[in-house]
Amino acid sequence: MLNVANFNKEMLKLAGESIERYPPRERDISSLTLSIQREKVGEIKKRIISFRRELLEMACSDELVDQVIQLNFQLFPLTKPYKKEIG
C-alpha cells in the first residue's frame, strides 16, 4: 500500500508541475467542490470506478498509440460531517 500511496503522491506532484510545464491545450486541470449528503459519496466513487474502466477499455482497444498520459482522480472531504439543526 505504501508504494501505491507514494506513486499517487508523485503523480499529484507532476500534475501540479504540469500547469507550468504544458500549455492549456495540452492538459486539462479542473476541479469541483461539492456540498452533498455523506451517503452519496459511495455513488460518486462507483461512477469514478466505472469511468476509469471505460477509459481503460478505450485505451486497450487503441492500436495506434503514440503518447502516454496520466489521468488523476481525487476525492476527499474538505470538512467534517455536520448535522443540520431542525427548527
Protein backbone atom coordinates (compact mmCIF):
# COMPACT_ATOMS: atom_id res chain seq x y z
CA MET A 1 0.00 0.00 0.00
CA LEU A 2 2.87 2.37 0.73
CA ASN A 3 4.15 2.02 -2.84
CA VAL A 4 0.71 2.92 -4.22
CA ALA A 5 0.48 5.92 -1.89
CA ASN A 6 3.96 7.10 -2.93
CA PHE A 7 3.07 6.67 -6.61
CA ASN A 8 -0.12 8.71 -6.15
CA LYS A 9 1.78 11.46 -4.32
CA GLU A 10 4.32 11.63 -7.15
CA MET A 11 1.58 11.80 -9.80
CA LEU A 12 -0.13 14.62 -7.89
CA LYS A 13 3.20 16.46 -7.78
CA LEU A 14 3.61 16.01 -11.55
CA ALA A 15 0.04 17.23 -12.07
CA GLY A 16 0.86 20.44 -10.21
CA GLU A 17 4.04 20.91 -12.21
CA SER A 18 2.15 20.35 -15.47
CA ILE A 19 0.36 23.68 -15.01
CA GLU A 20 3.62 25.48 -15.74
CA ARG A 21 5.18 22.83 -17.97
CA TYR A 22 2.39 22.46 -20.57
CA PRO A 23 0.07 24.96 -22.24
CA PRO A 24 -3.68 24.55 -21.55
CA ARG A 25 -4.30 22.95 -24.97
CA GLU A 26 -2.08 20.01 -23.89
CA ARG A 27 -3.59 19.43 -20.44
CA ASP A 28 -6.85 19.60 -18.51
CA ILE A 29 -6.76 20.62 -14.88
CA SER A 30 -10.18 21.05 -13.33
CA SER A 31 -11.93 20.50 -10.05
CA LEU A 32 -15.32 20.54 -8.37
CA THR A 33 -16.12 21.42 -4.78
CA LEU A 34 -19.49 19.90 -3.90
CA SER A 35 -21.83 20.09 -0.93
CA ILE A 36 -23.59 16.72 -0.76
CA GLN A 37 -25.01 14.16 1.63
CA ARG A 38 -22.28 11.92 3.01
CA GLU A 39 -24.27 8.88 1.88
CA LYS A 40 -23.81 9.94 -1.77
CA VAL A 41 -20.01 9.71 -1.65
CA GLY A 42 -20.24 5.98 -2.34
CA GLU A 43 -22.22 6.63 -5.52
CA ILE A 44 -19.63 9.13 -6.70
CA LYS A 45 -16.88 6.56 -6.07
CA LYS A 46 -18.82 3.96 -8.10
CA ARG A 47 -19.12 6.40 -11.00
CA ILE A 48 -15.39 7.18 -10.89
CA ILE A 49 -14.61 3.45 -10.99
CA SER A 50 -16.97 2.98 -13.93
CA PHE A 51 -15.46 5.91 -15.83
CA ARG A 52 -11.91 4.63 -15.19
CA ARG A 53 -12.91 1.23 -16.59
CA GLU A 54 -14.45 2.88 -19.65
CA LEU A 55 -11.25 4.85 -20.30
CA LEU A 56 -9.10 1.77 -19.76
CA GLU A 57 -11.16 -0.17 -22.30
CA MET A 58 -10.81 2.70 -24.77
CA ALA A 59 -7.03 2.78 -24.30
CA CYS A 60 -6.68 -1.00 -24.57
CA SER A 61 -8.52 -1.03 -27.88
CA ASP A 62 -6.28 1.68 -29.38
CA GLU A 63 -3.71 0.12 -31.70
CA LEU A 64 -2.00 3.33 -32.84
CA VAL A 65 -0.54 4.50 -29.53
CA ASP A 66 1.84 7.47 -29.73
CA GLN A 67 1.73 9.01 -26.25
CA VAL A 68 1.49 8.18 -22.56
CA ILE A 69 -0.77 10.39 -20.43
CA GLN A 70 -1.61 10.50 -16.73
CA LEU A 71 -5.17 10.96 -15.50
CA ASN A 72 -5.73 11.51 -11.77
CA PHE A 73 -8.93 11.44 -9.78
CA GLN A 74 -9.05 12.70 -6.20
CA LEU A 75 -12.00 12.56 -3.84
CA PHE A 76 -11.58 13.64 -0.24
CA PRO A 77 -13.54 15.58 2.38
CA LEU A 78 -12.82 19.25 2.94
CA THR A 79 -14.93 19.39 6.10
CA LYS A 80 -16.10 17.09 8.83
CA PRO A 81 -19.72 15.96 8.54
CA TYR A 82 -22.13 18.24 10.35
CA LYS A 83 -25.71 17.86 11.41
CA LYS A 84 -28.26 20.48 10.44
CA GLU A 85 -30.30 21.83 13.28
CA ILE A 86 -34.03 21.23 12.94
CA GLY A 87 -36.23 24.10 13.86
